[in-house]
Amino acid sequence: GGTSLTFTTGGDQGTYFGFGGVLAGKVGE
């Protein structure tokens, strides 16, 4: 029953954005 979530991170040259993308990919997988 999971849904689709939007995850705001930080600037595209910061760790929030890069690591956030990796986390999002694994959760979705």
PDB file of all heavy atoms in Angstrom:
ATOM      1  N   GLY A   1       0.783  -1.227   0.000  1.00  0.00           N
ATOM      2  CA  GLY A   1       0.000   0.000   0.000  1.00  0.00           C
ATOM      3  C   GLY A   1       0.812   1.272   0.000  1.00  0.00           C
ATOM      4  O   GLY A   1       0.294   2.351   0.309  1.00  0.00           O
ATOM      5  N   GLY A   2       2.087   1.180  -0.377  1.00  0.00           N
ATOM      6  CA  GLY A   2       2.906   2.378  -0.459  1.00  0.00           C
ATOM      7  C   GLY A   2       2.439   3.307  -1.563  1.00  0.00           C
ATOM      8  O   GLY A   2       1.821   2.883  -2.543  1.00  0.00           O
ATOM      9  N   THR A   3       2.726   4.592  -1.414  1.00  0.00           N
ATOM     10  CA  THR A   3       2.317   5.589  -2.393  1.00  0.00           C
ATOM     11  C   THR A   3       3.551   6.260  -2.985  1.00  0.00           C
ATOM     12  O   THR A   3       4.669   5.782  -2.817  1.00  0.00           O
ATOM     13  CB  THR A   3       1.404   6.643  -1.741  1.00  0.00           C
ATOM     14  OG1 THR A   3       2.149   7.357  -0.741  1.00  0.00           O
ATOM     15  CG2 THR A   3       0.202   5.980  -1.072  1.00  0.00           C
ATOM     16  N   SER A   4       3.346   7.374  -3.678  1.00  0.00           N
ATOM     17  CA  SER A   4       4.443   8.148  -4.253  1.00  0.00           C
ATOM     18  C   SER A   4       4.696   9.382  -3.401  1.00  0.00           C
ATOM     19  O   SER A   4       3.768  10.136  -3.099  1.00  0.00           O
ATOM     20  CB  SER A   4       4.102   8.567  -5.690  1.00  0.00           C
ATOM     21  OG  SER A   4       3.973   7.427  -6.515  1.00  0.00           O
ATOM     22  N   LEU A   5       5.936   9.594  -3.014  1.00  0.00           N
ATOM     23  CA  LEU A   5       6.314  10.703  -2.146  1.00  0.00           C
ATOM     24  C   LEU A   5       7.321  11.615  -2.839  1.00  0.00           C
ATOM     25  O   LEU A   5       8.156  11.151  -3.614  1.00  0.00           O
ATOM     26  CB  LEU A   5       6.946  10.179  -0.856  1.00  0.00           C
ATOM     27  CG  LEU A   5       6.152   9.169  -0.033  1.00  0.00           C
ATOM     28  CD1 LEU A   5       6.982   8.721   1.174  1.00  0.00           C
ATOM     29  CD2 LEU A   5       4.821   9.747   0.423  1.00  0.00           C
ATOM     30  N   THR A   6       7.242  12.912  -2.540  1.00  0.00           N
ATOM     31  CA  THR A   6       8.233  13.881  -2.996  1.00  0.00           C
ATOM     32  C   THR A   6       9.182  14.175  -1.843  1.00  0.00           C
ATOM     33  O   THR A   6       8.756  14.472  -0.732  1.00  0.00           O
ATOM     34  CB  THR A   6       7.557  15.184  -3.462  1.00  0.00           C
ATOM     35  OG1 THR A   6       6.712  14.896  -4.576  1.00  0.00           O
ATOM     36  CG2 THR A   6       8.595  16.210  -3.881  1.00  0.00           C
ATOM     37  N   PHE A   7      10.468  14.093  -2.119  1.00  0.00           N
ATOM     38  CA  PHE A   7      11.523  14.220  -1.123  1.00  0.00           C
ATOM     39  C   PHE A   7      12.401  15.411  -1.504  1.00  0.00           C
ATOM     40  O   PHE A   7      13.170  15.346  -2.461  1.00  0.00           O
ATOM     41  CB  PHE A   7      12.319  12.912  -1.111  1.00  0.00           C
ATOM     42  CG  PHE A   7      13.452  12.819  -0.121  1.00  0.00           C
ATOM     43  CD1 PHE A   7      13.581  13.683   0.953  1.00  0.00           C
ATOM     44  CD2 PHE A   7      14.412  11.807  -0.264  1.00  0.00           C
ATOM     45  CE1 PHE A   7      14.618  13.565   1.860  1.00  0.00           C
ATOM     46  CE2 PHE A   7      15.456  11.667   0.637  1.00  0.00           C
ATOM     47  CZ  PHE A   7      15.555  12.556   1.696  1.00  0.00           C
ATOM     48  N   THR A   8      12.273  16.533  -0.775  1.00  0.00           N
ATOM     49  CA  THR A   8      13.113  17.694  -1.058  1.00  0.00           C
ATOM     50  C   THR A   8      14.444  17.534  -0.335  1.00  0.00           C
ATOM     51  O   THR A   8      14.504  17.095   0.807  1.00  0.00           O
ATOM     52  CB  THR A   8      12.431  18.997  -0.625  1.00  0.00           C
ATOM     53  OG1 THR A   8      11.960  18.879   0.718  1.00  0.00           O
ATOM     54  CG2 THR A   8      11.254  19.323  -1.537  1.00  0.00           C
ATOM     55  N   THR A   9      15.526  17.934  -1.009  1.00  0.00           N
ATOM     56  CA  THR A   9      16.865  17.664  -0.489  1.00  0.00           C
ATOM     57  C   THR A   9      17.658  18.958  -0.327  1.00  0.00           C
ATOM     58  O   THR A   9      17.520  19.655   0.660  1.00  0.00           O
ATOM     59  CB  THR A   9      17.585  16.669  -1.408  1.00  0.00           C
ATOM     60  OG1 THR A   9      17.588  17.176  -2.761  1.00  0.00           O
ATOM     61  CG2 THR A   9      16.905  15.315  -1.380  1.00  0.00           C
ATOM     62  N   GLY A  10      18.503  19.288  -1.293  1.00  0.00           N
ATOM     63  CA  GLY A  10      19.316  20.498  -1.239  1.00  0.00           C
ATOM     64  C   GLY A  10      19.777  20.848  -2.637  1.00  0.00           C
ATOM     65  O   GLY A  10      19.230  20.350  -3.626  1.00  0.00           O
ATOM     66  N   GLY A  11      20.795  21.689  -2.731  1.00  0.00           N
ATOM     67  CA  GLY A  11      21.333  22.059  -4.034  1.00  0.00           C
ATOM     68  C   GLY A  11      21.930  20.863  -4.758  1.00  0.00           C
ATOM     69  O   GLY A  11      22.365  19.898  -4.135  1.00  0.00           O
ATOM     70  N   ASP A  12      21.969  20.943  -6.094  1.00  0.00           N
ATOM     71  CA  ASP A  12      22.375  19.770  -6.870  1.00  0.00           C
ATOM     72  C   ASP A  12      23.865  19.469  -6.806  1.00  0.00           C
ATOM     73  O   ASP A  12      24.320  18.489  -7.395  1.00  0.00           O
ATOM     74  CB  ASP A  12      21.910  19.888  -8.331  1.00  0.00           C
ATOM     75  CG  ASP A  12      22.470  21.099  -9.042  1.00  0.00           C
ATOM     76  OD1 ASP A  12      23.373  21.766  -8.496  1.00  0.00           O
ATOM     77  OD2 ASP A  12      22.006  21.386 -10.156  1.00  0.00           O
ATOM     78  N   GLN A  13      24.642  20.277  -6.091  1.00  0.00           N
ATOM     79  CA  GLN A  13      26.052  19.953  -5.866  1.00  0.00           C
ATOM     80  C   GLN A  13      26.338  19.660  -4.394  1.00  0.00           C
ATOM     81  O   GLN A  13      27.486  19.662  -3.966  1.00  0.00           O
ATOM     82  CB  GLN A  13      26.950  21.093  -6.370  1.00  0.00           C
ATOM     83  CG  GLN A  13      26.927  21.255  -7.880  1.00  0.00           C
ATOM     84  CD  GLN A  13      28.072  22.103  -8.386  1.00  0.00           C
ATOM     85  OE1 GLN A  13      29.241  21.871  -8.061  1.00  0.00           O
ATOM     86  NE2 GLN A  13      27.755  23.096  -9.179  1.00  0.00           N
ATOM     87  N   GLY A  14      25.272  19.381  -3.648  1.00  0.00           N
ATOM     88  CA  GLY A  14      25.430  19.057  -2.242  1.00  0.00           C
ATOM     89  C   GLY A  14      25.164  17.591  -1.954  1.00  0.00           C
ATOM     90  O   GLY A  14      24.640  16.854  -2.804  1.00  0.00           O
ATOM     91  N   THR A  15      25.504  17.167  -0.756  1.00  0.00           N
ATOM     92  CA  THR A  15      25.348  15.762  -0.365  1.00  0.00           C
ATOM     93  C   THR A  15      23.884  15.362  -0.235  1.00  0.00           C
ATOM     94  O   THR A  15      23.520  14.228  -0.553  1.00  0.00           O
ATOM     95  CB  THR A  15      26.091  15.509   0.961  1.00  0.00           C
ATOM     96  OG1 THR A  15      27.441  15.964   0.848  1.00  0.00           O
ATOM     97  CG2 THR A  15      26.093  14.024   1.308  1.00  0.00           C
ATOM     98  N   TYR A  16      23.027  16.277   0.246  1.00  0.00           N
ATOM     99  CA  TYR A  16      21.608  15.952   0.377  1.00  0.00           C
ATOM    100  C   TYR A  16      21.044  15.428  -0.948  1.00  0.00           C
ATOM    101  O   TYR A  16      20.327  14.429  -0.980  1.00  0.00           O
ATOM    102  CB  TYR A  16      20.809  17.200   0.767  1.00  0.00           C
ATOM    103  CG  TYR A  16      20.830  17.582   2.219  1.00  0.00           C
ATOM    104  CD1 TYR A  16      20.168  18.737   2.647  1.00  0.00           C
ATOM    105  CD2 TYR A  16      21.485  16.832   3.189  1.00  0.00           C
ATOM    106  CE1 TYR A  16      20.162  19.125   3.978  1.00  0.00           C
ATOM    107  CE2 TYR A  16      21.482  17.207   4.517  1.00  0.00           C
ATOM    108  CZ  TYR A  16      20.819  18.360   4.910  1.00  0.00           C
ATOM    109  OH  TYR A  16      20.808  18.745   6.222  1.00  0.00           O
ATOM    110  N   PHE A  17      21.339  16.132  -2.017  1.00  0.00           N
ATOM    111  CA  PHE A  17      20.763  15.769  -3.315  1.00  0.00           C
ATOM    112  C   PHE A  17      21.335  14.449  -3.830  1.00  0.00           C
ATOM    113  O   PHE A  17      20.598  13.547  -4.235  1.00  0.00           O
ATOM    114  CB  PHE A  17      21.008  16.883  -4.332  1.00  0.00           C
ATOM    115  CG  PHE A  17      20.462  16.588  -5.703  1.00  0.00           C
ATOM    116  CD1 PHE A  17      19.101  16.636  -5.944  1.00  0.00           C
ATOM    117  CD2 PHE A  17      21.306  16.264  -6.749  1.00  0.00           C
ATOM    118  CE1 PHE A  17      18.594  16.361  -7.210  1.00  0.00           C
ATOM    119  CE2 PHE A  17      20.809  15.995  -8.011  1.00  0.00           C
ATOM    120  CZ  PHE A  17      19.446  16.042  -8.236  1.00  0.00           C
ATOM    121  N   GLY A  18      22.655  14.331  -3.813  1.00  0.00           N
ATOM    122  CA  GLY A  18      23.272  13.117  -4.338  1.00  0.00           C
ATOM    123  C   GLY A  18      22.897  11.876  -3.549  1.00  0.00           C
ATOM    124  O   GLY A  18      22.500  10.854  -4.120  1.00  0.00           O
ATOM    125  N   PHE A  19      23.005  11.958  -2.227  1.00  0.00           N
ATOM    126  CA  PHE A  19      22.674  10.806  -1.393  1.00  0.00           C
ATOM    127  C   PHE A  19      21.168  10.569  -1.386  1.00  0.00           C
ATOM    128  O   PHE A  19      20.712   9.422  -1.363  1.00  0.00           O
ATOM    129  CB  PHE A  19      23.189  11.034   0.026  1.00  0.00           C
ATOM    130  CG  PHE A  19      23.155   9.818   0.911  1.00  0.00           C
ATOM    131  CD1 PHE A  19      23.434   8.548   0.410  1.00  0.00           C
ATOM    132  CD2 PHE A  19      22.853   9.938   2.259  1.00  0.00           C
ATOM    133  CE1 PHE A  19      23.411   7.425   1.238  1.00  0.00           C
ATOM    134  CE2 PHE A  19      22.826   8.838   3.093  1.00  0.00           C
ATOM    135  CZ  PHE A  19      23.107   7.573   2.580  1.00  0.00           C
ATOM    136  N   GLY A  20      20.397  11.644  -1.410  1.00  0.00           N
ATOM    137  CA  GLY A  20      18.948  11.497  -1.460  1.00  0.00           C
ATOM    138  C   GLY A  20      18.484  10.706  -2.662  1.00  0.00           C
ATOM    139  O   GLY A  20      17.571   9.877  -2.570  1.00  0.00           O
ATOM    140  N   GLY A  21      19.125  10.934  -3.803  1.00  0.00           N
ATOM    141  CA  GLY A  21      18.776  10.178  -5.000  1.00  0.00           C
ATOM    142  C   GLY A  21      19.070   8.698  -4.856  1.00  0.00           C
ATOM    143  O   GLY A  21      18.290   7.855  -5.310  1.00  0.00           O
ATOM    144  N   VAL A  22      20.184   8.387  -4.213  1.00  0.00           N
ATOM    145  CA  VAL A  22      20.541   6.982  -3.986  1.00  0.00           C
ATOM    146  C   VAL A  22      19.538   6.321  -3.042  1.00  0.00           C
ATOM    147  O   VAL A  22      19.085   5.192  -3.269  1.00  0.00           O
ATOM    148  CB  VAL A  22      21.977   6.877  -3.431  1.00  0.00           C
ATOM    149  CG1 VAL A  22      22.300   5.443  -3.024  1.00  0.00           C
ATOM    150  CG2 VAL A  22      22.983   7.367  -4.465  1.00  0.00           C
ATOM    151  N   LEU A  23      19.167   7.027  -1.968  1.00  0.00           N
ATOM    152  CA  LEU A  23      18.196   6.485  -1.020  1.00  0.00           C
ATOM    153  C   LEU A  23      16.849   6.252  -1.701  1.00  0.00           C
ATOM    154  O   LEU A  23      16.222   5.201  -1.523  1.00  0.00           O
ATOM    155  CB  LEU A  23      18.010   7.440   0.155  1.00  0.00           C
ATOM    156  CG  LEU A  23      19.224   7.702   1.052  1.00  0.00           C
ATOM    157  CD1 LEU A  23      18.872   8.729   2.123  1.00  0.00           C
ATOM    158  CD2 LEU A  23      19.731   6.412   1.680  1.00  0.00           C
ATOM    159  N   ALA A  24      16.403   7.246  -2.474  1.00  0.00           N
ATOM    160  CA  ALA A  24      15.115   7.133  -3.157  1.00  0.00           C
ATOM    161  C   ALA A  24      15.092   5.937  -4.091  1.00  0.00           C
ATOM    162  O   ALA A  24      14.101   5.192  -4.163  1.00  0.00           O
ATOM    163  CB  ALA A  24      14.824   8.410  -3.941  1.00  0.00           C
ATOM    164  N   GLY A  25      16.187   5.747  -4.802  1.00  0.00           N
ATOM    165  CA  GLY A  25      16.253   4.618  -5.727  1.00  0.00           C
ATOM    166  C   GLY A  25      16.124   3.281  -5.018  1.00  0.00           C
ATOM    167  O   GLY A  25      15.405   2.393  -5.468  1.00  0.00           O
ATOM    168  N   LYS A  26      16.805   3.156  -3.883  1.00  0.00           N
ATOM    169  CA  LYS A  26      16.764   1.879  -3.159  1.00  0.00           C
ATOM    170  C   LYS A  26      15.395   1.635  -2.533  1.00  0.00           C
ATOM    171  O   LYS A  26      14.894   0.505  -2.536  1.00  0.00           O
ATOM    172  CB  LYS A  26      17.863   1.858  -2.088  1.00  0.00           C
ATOM    173  CG  LYS A  26      18.027   0.511  -1.387  1.00  0.00           C
ATOM    174  CD  LYS A  26      18.234  -0.648  -2.370  1.00  0.00           C
ATOM    175  CE  LYS A  26      19.491  -0.518  -3.181  1.00  0.00           C
ATOM    176  NZ  LYS A  26      19.624  -1.681  -4.123  1.00  0.00           N
ATOM    177  N   VAL A  27      14.773   2.687  -1.989  1.00  0.00           N
ATOM    178  CA  VAL A  27      13.435   2.523  -1.413  1.00  0.00           C
ATOM    179  C   VAL A  27      12.449   2.083  -2.492  1.00  0.00           C
ATOM    180  O   VAL A  27      11.637   1.171  -2.280  1.00  0.00           O
ATOM    181  CB  VAL A  27      12.963   3.845  -0.761  1.00  0.00           C
ATOM    182  CG1 VAL A  27      11.493   3.749  -0.345  1.00  0.00           C
ATOM    183  CG2 VAL A  27      13.828   4.174   0.452  1.00  0.00           C
ATOM    184  N   GLY A  28      12.513   2.719  -3.661  1.00  0.00           N
ATOM    185  CA  GLY A  28      11.617   2.351  -4.750  1.00  0.00           C
ATOM    186  C   GLY A  28      11.858   0.950  -5.269  1.00  0.00           C
ATOM    187  O   GLY A  28      10.926   0.255  -5.681  1.00  0.00           O
ATOM    188  N   GLU A  29      13.101   0.514  -5.244  1.00  0.00           N
ATOM    189  CA  GLU A  29      13.464  -0.821  -5.704  1.00  0.00           C
ATOM    190  C   GLU A  29      13.039  -1.894  -4.707  1.00  0.00           C
ATOM    191  O   GLU A  29      12.678  -3.011  -5.090  1.00  0.00           O
ATOM    192  CB  GLU A  29      14.981  -0.875  -5.922  1.00  0.00           C
ATOM    193  CG  GLU A  29      15.513  -2.170  -6.503  1.00  0.00           C
ATOM    194  CD  GLU A  29      17.014  -2.153  -6.655  1.00  0.00           C
ATOM    195  OE1 GLU A  29      17.632  -1.087  -6.423  1.00  0.00           O
ATOM    196  OE2 GLU A  29      17.580  -3.208  -7.000  1.00  0.00           O
TER     197      GLU A  29
END
